[in-house]
Amino acid sequence: MNTITSFCTAIATVLVATASLATAQSQQVRESMVPREGFWVVESQPKSRECTVRFYTNDQELIYEETLNQKLNIARQQTKRRLNIALEQAMFVWNATHQVPTDRQWVSIRFEKK
């Protein structure tokens, strides 16, 4: 009887540890989709293939703007991740210089078709 109880306890411990590890990993994935600083806006016209991407600080100050010759599907996780990387670059330059950079093409480089 003692062996069965200790075996059940060991299985329960393993299950709880596995569940907590899975929960921690899923929280990391969700948190990475939200930028640490600033936010981005993608704007497009219904019948146009172009879209405009704008990056803002948390104070809603425009720090970067770029027009692309393609539409972006912002529902895709990969698109969000690429926009967040470009936003981090723009925020880094903004925090260092407090000037709106031009001719950088941070967004279009991320979405080039290879």
N, C-alpha and C. Protein backbone atom coordinates (compact mmCIF):
# COMPACT_ATOMS: atom_id res chain seq x y z
N MET A 1 0.82 -1.20 0.00
CA MET A 1 0.00 0.00 0.00
C MET A 1 0.86 1.26 0.00
N ASN A 2 1.94 1.24 0.75
CA ASN A 2 2.85 2.38 0.82
C ASN A 2 3.51 2.65 -0.52
N THR A 3 3.82 1.61 -1.25
CA THR A 3 4.46 1.75 -2.55
C THR A 3 3.51 2.41 -3.55
N ILE A 4 2.26 2.03 -3.52
CA ILE A 4 1.27 2.60 -4.43
C ILE A 4 1.07 4.08 -4.13
N THR A 5 1.01 4.45 -2.87
CA THR A 5 0.83 5.84 -2.47
C THR A 5 2.01 6.70 -2.92
N SER A 6 3.22 6.22 -2.72
CA SER A 6 4.40 6.99 -3.13
C SER A 6 4.48 7.08 -4.65
N PHE A 7 4.06 6.03 -5.35
CA PHE A 7 4.05 6.05 -6.80
C PHE A 7 3.04 7.09 -7.32
N CYS A 8 1.86 7.13 -6.73
CA CYS A 8 0.84 8.11 -7.11
C CYS A 8 1.31 9.53 -6.82
N THR A 9 1.98 9.72 -5.71
CA THR A 9 2.50 11.03 -5.35
C THR A 9 3.56 11.48 -6.37
N ALA A 10 4.41 10.56 -6.78
CA ALA A 10 5.44 10.88 -7.76
C ALA A 10 4.82 11.26 -9.10
N ILE A 11 3.81 10.55 -9.53
CA ILE A 11 3.14 10.85 -10.80
C ILE A 11 2.46 12.22 -10.71
N ALA A 12 1.80 12.49 -9.59
CA ALA A 12 1.13 13.78 -9.42
C ALA A 12 2.15 14.92 -9.45
N THR A 13 3.31 14.74 -8.85
CA THR A 13 4.35 15.75 -8.84
C THR A 13 4.86 16.03 -10.26
N VAL A 14 5.06 14.98 -11.03
CA VAL A 14 5.52 15.13 -12.41
C VAL A 14 4.47 15.87 -13.24
N LEU A 15 3.20 15.54 -13.08
CA LEU A 15 2.14 16.20 -13.82
C LEU A 15 2.05 17.69 -13.48
N VAL A 16 2.15 18.03 -12.21
CA VAL A 16 2.09 19.42 -11.80
C VAL A 16 3.29 20.20 -12.36
N ALA A 17 4.47 19.60 -12.31
CA ALA A 17 5.66 20.27 -12.84
C ALA A 17 5.55 20.48 -14.34
N THR A 18 5.03 19.51 -15.05
CA THR A 18 4.86 19.63 -16.50
C THR A 18 3.84 20.71 -16.84
N ALA A 19 2.75 20.75 -16.11
CA ALA A 19 1.71 21.75 -16.36
C ALA A 19 2.23 23.16 -16.11
N SER A 20 2.98 23.35 -15.04
CA SER A 20 3.50 24.69 -14.74
C SER A 20 4.54 25.12 -15.77
N LEU A 21 5.34 24.18 -16.28
CA LEU A 21 6.31 24.51 -17.32
C LEU A 21 5.62 24.91 -18.61
N ALA A 22 4.57 24.20 -18.98
CA ALA A 22 3.82 24.52 -20.21
C ALA A 22 3.15 25.89 -20.09
N THR A 23 2.63 26.21 -18.92
CA THR A 23 2.00 27.51 -18.69
C THR A 23 3.03 28.63 -18.81
N ALA A 24 4.20 28.44 -18.26
CA ALA A 24 5.25 29.46 -18.33
C ALA A 24 5.70 29.69 -19.76
N GLN A 25 5.82 28.64 -20.55
CA GLN A 25 6.23 28.78 -21.95
C GLN A 25 5.17 29.50 -22.76
N SER A 26 3.89 29.21 -22.55
CA SER A 26 2.84 29.87 -23.31
C SER A 26 2.75 31.35 -22.96
N GLN A 27 3.03 31.72 -21.73
CA GLN A 27 3.02 33.13 -21.34
C GLN A 27 4.15 33.88 -22.01
N GLN A 28 5.31 33.25 -22.19
CA GLN A 28 6.43 33.91 -22.85
C GLN A 28 6.08 34.22 -24.30
N VAL A 29 5.39 33.32 -24.98
CA VAL A 29 5.03 33.53 -26.37
C VAL A 29 4.07 34.71 -26.49
N ARG A 30 3.07 34.78 -25.64
CA ARG A 30 2.11 35.87 -25.69
C ARG A 30 2.76 37.21 -25.39
N GLU A 31 3.66 37.25 -24.44
CA GLU A 31 4.29 38.51 -24.06
C GLU A 31 5.21 39.03 -25.16
N SER A 32 5.81 38.15 -25.96
CA SER A 32 6.74 38.61 -26.98
C SER A 32 6.03 39.31 -28.14
N MET A 33 4.71 39.15 -28.28
CA MET A 33 3.98 39.81 -29.35
C MET A 33 3.67 41.27 -29.03
N VAL A 34 3.87 41.68 -27.79
CA VAL A 34 3.61 43.06 -27.38
C VAL A 34 4.95 43.79 -27.29
N PRO A 35 5.10 44.91 -27.99
CA PRO A 35 6.37 45.64 -27.93
C PRO A 35 6.65 46.14 -26.51
N ARG A 36 7.92 46.19 -26.17
CA ARG A 36 8.30 46.67 -24.84
C ARG A 36 8.07 48.17 -24.69
N GLU A 37 8.29 48.89 -25.79
CA GLU A 37 8.19 50.35 -25.75
C GLU A 37 7.62 50.82 -27.08
N GLY A 38 6.68 51.73 -27.04
CA GLY A 38 6.09 52.27 -28.26
C GLY A 38 5.02 51.35 -28.84
N PHE A 39 4.50 51.76 -30.02
CA PHE A 39 3.52 50.94 -30.72
C PHE A 39 3.54 51.28 -32.19
N TRP A 40 2.97 50.40 -33.01
CA TRP A 40 2.94 50.61 -34.45
C TRP A 40 1.50 50.62 -34.95
N VAL A 41 1.32 51.29 -36.10
CA VAL A 41 0.01 51.37 -36.76
C VAL A 41 0.24 51.08 -38.23
N VAL A 42 -0.57 50.19 -38.81
CA VAL A 42 -0.52 49.89 -40.24
C VAL A 42 -1.80 50.40 -40.86
N GLU A 43 -1.66 51.23 -41.88
CA GLU A 43 -2.82 51.86 -42.53
C GLU A 43 -2.79 51.53 -44.02
N SER A 44 -3.94 51.12 -44.57
CA SER A 44 -4.02 50.85 -46.01
C SER A 44 -5.41 51.20 -46.52
N GLN A 45 -5.47 51.50 -47.82
CA GLN A 45 -6.74 51.79 -48.48
C GLN A 45 -7.31 50.49 -49.03
N PRO A 46 -8.63 50.36 -49.10
CA PRO A 46 -9.24 49.08 -49.50
C PRO A 46 -8.79 48.54 -50.86
N LYS A 47 -8.66 49.37 -51.86
CA LYS A 47 -8.33 48.87 -53.20
C LYS A 47 -6.89 49.14 -53.60
N SER A 48 -6.07 49.45 -52.66
CA SER A 48 -4.67 49.76 -52.94
C SER A 48 -3.78 48.62 -52.45
N ARG A 49 -2.65 48.43 -53.13
CA ARG A 49 -1.68 47.42 -52.70
C ARG A 49 -0.66 48.04 -51.74
N GLU A 50 -0.72 49.32 -51.52
CA GLU A 50 0.23 49.98 -50.63
C GLU A 50 -0.30 50.03 -49.20
N CYS A 51 0.62 50.10 -48.26
CA CYS A 51 0.24 50.36 -46.88
C CYS A 51 1.31 51.26 -46.25
N THR A 52 0.91 51.97 -45.23
CA THR A 52 1.82 52.86 -44.51
C THR A 52 1.96 52.35 -43.09
N VAL A 53 3.20 52.22 -42.65
CA VAL A 53 3.50 51.77 -41.29
C VAL A 53 4.05 52.96 -40.53
N ARG A 54 3.47 53.21 -39.37
CA ARG A 54 3.94 54.31 -38.52
C ARG A 54 4.29 53.76 -37.14
N PHE A 55 5.39 54.27 -36.60
CA PHE A 55 5.82 53.91 -35.25
C PHE A 55 5.67 55.13 -34.35
N TYR A 56 5.16 54.89 -33.16
CA TYR A 56 4.93 55.96 -32.18
C TYR A 56 5.58 55.59 -30.85
N THR A 57 5.91 56.62 -30.08
CA THR A 57 6.36 56.41 -28.70
C THR A 57 5.13 56.15 -27.83
N ASN A 58 5.35 55.80 -26.59
CA ASN A 58 4.23 55.61 -25.66
C ASN A 58 3.45 56.90 -25.43
N ASP A 59 4.09 58.04 -25.72
CA ASP A 59 3.44 59.35 -25.60
C ASP A 59 2.73 59.76 -26.88
N GLN A 60 2.55 58.83 -27.82
CA GLN A 60 1.86 59.02 -29.09
C GLN A 60 2.56 60.04 -29.99
N GLU A 61 3.86 60.07 -29.93
CA GLU A 61 4.66 60.95 -30.78
C GLU A 61 5.21 60.12 -31.95
N LEU A 62 4.96 60.57 -33.16
CA LEU A 62 5.42 59.86 -34.36
C LEU A 62 6.94 59.88 -34.42
N ILE A 63 7.54 58.68 -34.55
CA ILE A 63 9.01 58.62 -34.63
C ILE A 63 9.50 58.04 -35.94
N TYR A 64 8.61 57.38 -36.71
CA TYR A 64 9.04 56.79 -37.98
C TYR A 64 7.82 56.49 -38.83
N GLU A 65 7.98 56.65 -40.15
CA GLU A 65 6.90 56.35 -41.09
C GLU A 65 7.51 55.79 -42.36
N GLU A 66 6.89 54.74 -42.89
CA GLU A 66 7.38 54.12 -44.12
C GLU A 66 6.19 53.58 -44.91
N THR A 67 6.22 53.78 -46.24
CA THR A 67 5.19 53.27 -47.12
C THR A 67 5.73 52.06 -47.87
N LEU A 68 4.95 50.98 -47.86
CA LEU A 68 5.33 49.74 -48.52
C LEU A 68 4.48 49.52 -49.76
N ASN A 69 5.00 48.82 -50.74
CA ASN A 69 4.27 48.49 -51.95
C ASN A 69 3.59 47.13 -51.84
N GLN A 70 3.19 46.77 -50.66
CA GLN A 70 2.47 45.52 -50.42
C GLN A 70 1.60 45.68 -49.19
N LYS A 71 0.59 44.84 -49.09
CA LYS A 71 -0.25 44.86 -47.90
C LYS A 71 0.33 43.91 -46.87
N LEU A 72 0.14 44.21 -45.61
CA LEU A 72 0.61 43.36 -44.53
C LEU A 72 -0.58 42.72 -43.84
N ASN A 73 -0.48 41.45 -43.54
CA ASN A 73 -1.51 40.73 -42.79
C ASN A 73 -1.13 40.80 -41.32
N ILE A 74 -1.68 41.77 -40.61
CA ILE A 74 -1.28 41.97 -39.21
C ILE A 74 -1.89 40.93 -38.28
N ALA A 75 -2.71 40.03 -38.80
CA ALA A 75 -3.24 38.94 -37.98
C ALA A 75 -2.19 37.84 -37.79
N ARG A 76 -1.18 37.81 -38.65
CA ARG A 76 -0.14 36.78 -38.56
C ARG A 76 0.87 37.12 -37.46
N GLN A 77 1.25 36.12 -36.70
CA GLN A 77 2.22 36.30 -35.62
C GLN A 77 3.58 36.73 -36.18
N GLN A 78 3.96 36.18 -37.33
CA GLN A 78 5.24 36.52 -37.94
C GLN A 78 5.29 38.00 -38.34
N THR A 79 4.18 38.52 -38.85
CA THR A 79 4.12 39.94 -39.22
C THR A 79 4.27 40.82 -37.99
N LYS A 80 3.57 40.46 -36.93
CA LYS A 80 3.69 41.23 -35.67
C LYS A 80 5.11 41.22 -35.15
N ARG A 81 5.74 40.05 -35.20
CA ARG A 81 7.11 39.92 -34.71
C ARG A 81 8.06 40.80 -35.52
N ARG A 82 7.91 40.80 -36.85
CA ARG A 82 8.77 41.62 -37.71
C ARG A 82 8.55 43.12 -37.47
N LEU A 83 7.30 43.51 -37.30
CA LEU A 83 7.01 44.92 -37.01
C LEU A 83 7.59 45.32 -35.66
N ASN A 84 7.53 44.43 -34.68
CA ASN A 84 8.09 44.73 -33.36
C ASN A 84 9.61 44.90 -33.42
N ILE A 85 10.27 44.09 -34.26
CA ILE A 85 11.73 44.22 -34.41
C ILE A 85 12.08 45.56 -35.03
N ALA A 86 11.34 45.94 -36.07
CA ALA A 86 11.59 47.24 -36.71
C ALA A 86 11.28 48.38 -35.75
N LEU A 87 10.23 48.23 -34.93
CA LEU A 87 9.89 49.24 -33.94
C LEU A 87 11.00 49.39 -32.92
N GLU A 88 11.58 48.28 -32.48
CA GLU A 88 12.69 48.36 -31.53
C GLU A 88 13.87 49.13 -32.12
N GLN A 89 14.16 48.91 -33.41
CA GLN A 89 15.24 49.66 -34.06
C GLN A 89 14.93 51.15 -34.06
N ALA A 90 13.71 51.49 -34.43
CA ALA A 90 13.32 52.91 -34.49
C ALA A 90 13.36 53.54 -33.10
N MET A 91 12.91 52.81 -32.09
CA MET A 91 12.93 53.35 -30.72
C MET A 91 14.36 53.56 -30.24
N PHE A 92 15.26 52.64 -30.62
CA PHE A 92 16.66 52.79 -30.22
C PHE A 92 17.25 54.08 -30.79
N VAL A 93 17.01 54.31 -32.10
CA VAL A 93 17.52 55.54 -32.74
C VAL A 93 16.84 56.77 -32.15
N TRP A 94 15.53 56.68 -31.92
CA TRP A 94 14.80 57.81 -31.36
C TRP A 94 15.33 58.18 -29.97
N ASN A 95 15.54 57.18 -29.13
CA ASN A 95 16.03 57.44 -27.77
C ASN A 95 17.44 58.04 -27.78
N ALA A 96 18.22 57.70 -28.80
CA ALA A 96 19.59 58.22 -28.88
C ALA A 96 19.64 59.63 -29.47
N THR A 97 18.77 59.92 -30.46
CA THR A 97 18.90 61.19 -31.19
C THR A 97 17.71 62.12 -31.06
N HIS A 98 16.53 61.60 -30.74
CA HIS A 98 15.28 62.36 -30.71
C HIS A 98 15.01 63.06 -32.04
N GLN A 99 15.37 62.38 -33.14
CA GLN A 99 15.08 62.88 -34.48
C GLN A 99 14.37 61.77 -35.26
N VAL A 100 13.46 62.17 -36.14
CA VAL A 100 12.74 61.20 -36.96
C VAL A 100 13.67 60.76 -38.08
N PRO A 101 14.06 59.48 -38.12
CA PRO A 101 14.95 59.02 -39.18
C PRO A 101 14.22 58.92 -40.52
N THR A 102 14.94 59.17 -41.60
CA THR A 102 14.35 59.05 -42.94
C THR A 102 15.20 58.10 -43.78
N ASP A 103 14.60 57.55 -44.81
CA ASP A 103 15.29 56.66 -45.75
C ASP A 103 15.96 55.46 -45.09
N ARG A 104 15.36 54.91 -44.07
CA ARG A 104 15.94 53.76 -43.39
C ARG A 104 15.42 52.43 -43.92
N GLN A 105 14.17 52.36 -44.32
CA GLN A 105 13.52 51.16 -44.83
C GLN A 105 13.62 49.97 -43.86
N TRP A 106 13.42 50.23 -42.59
CA TRP A 106 13.47 49.17 -41.59
C TRP A 106 12.37 48.14 -41.80
N VAL A 107 11.20 48.59 -42.23
CA VAL A 107 10.07 47.68 -42.38
C VAL A 107 10.18 46.89 -43.68
N SER A 108 10.47 47.56 -44.79
CA SER A 108 10.51 46.86 -46.07
C SER A 108 11.60 45.80 -46.11
N ILE A 109 12.69 46.02 -45.42
CA ILE A 109 13.75 45.01 -45.35
C ILE A 109 13.25 43.75 -44.66
N ARG A 110 12.42 43.90 -43.64
CA ARG A 110 11.87 42.75 -42.91
C ARG A 110 10.90 41.93 -43.75
N PHE A 111 10.27 42.57 -44.74
CA PHE A 111 9.22 41.89 -45.52
C PHE A 111 9.64 41.63 -46.97
N GLU A 112 10.94 41.72 -47.26
CA GLU A 112 11.39 41.41 -48.60
C GLU A 112 11.17 39.93 -48.90
N LYS A 113 10.76 39.65 -50.14
CA LYS A 113 10.58 38.26 -50.55
C LYS A 113 11.91 37.75 -51.07
N LYS A 114 12.31 36.62 -50.54
CA LYS A 114 13.62 36.07 -50.89
C LYS A 114 13.51 34.99 -51.92
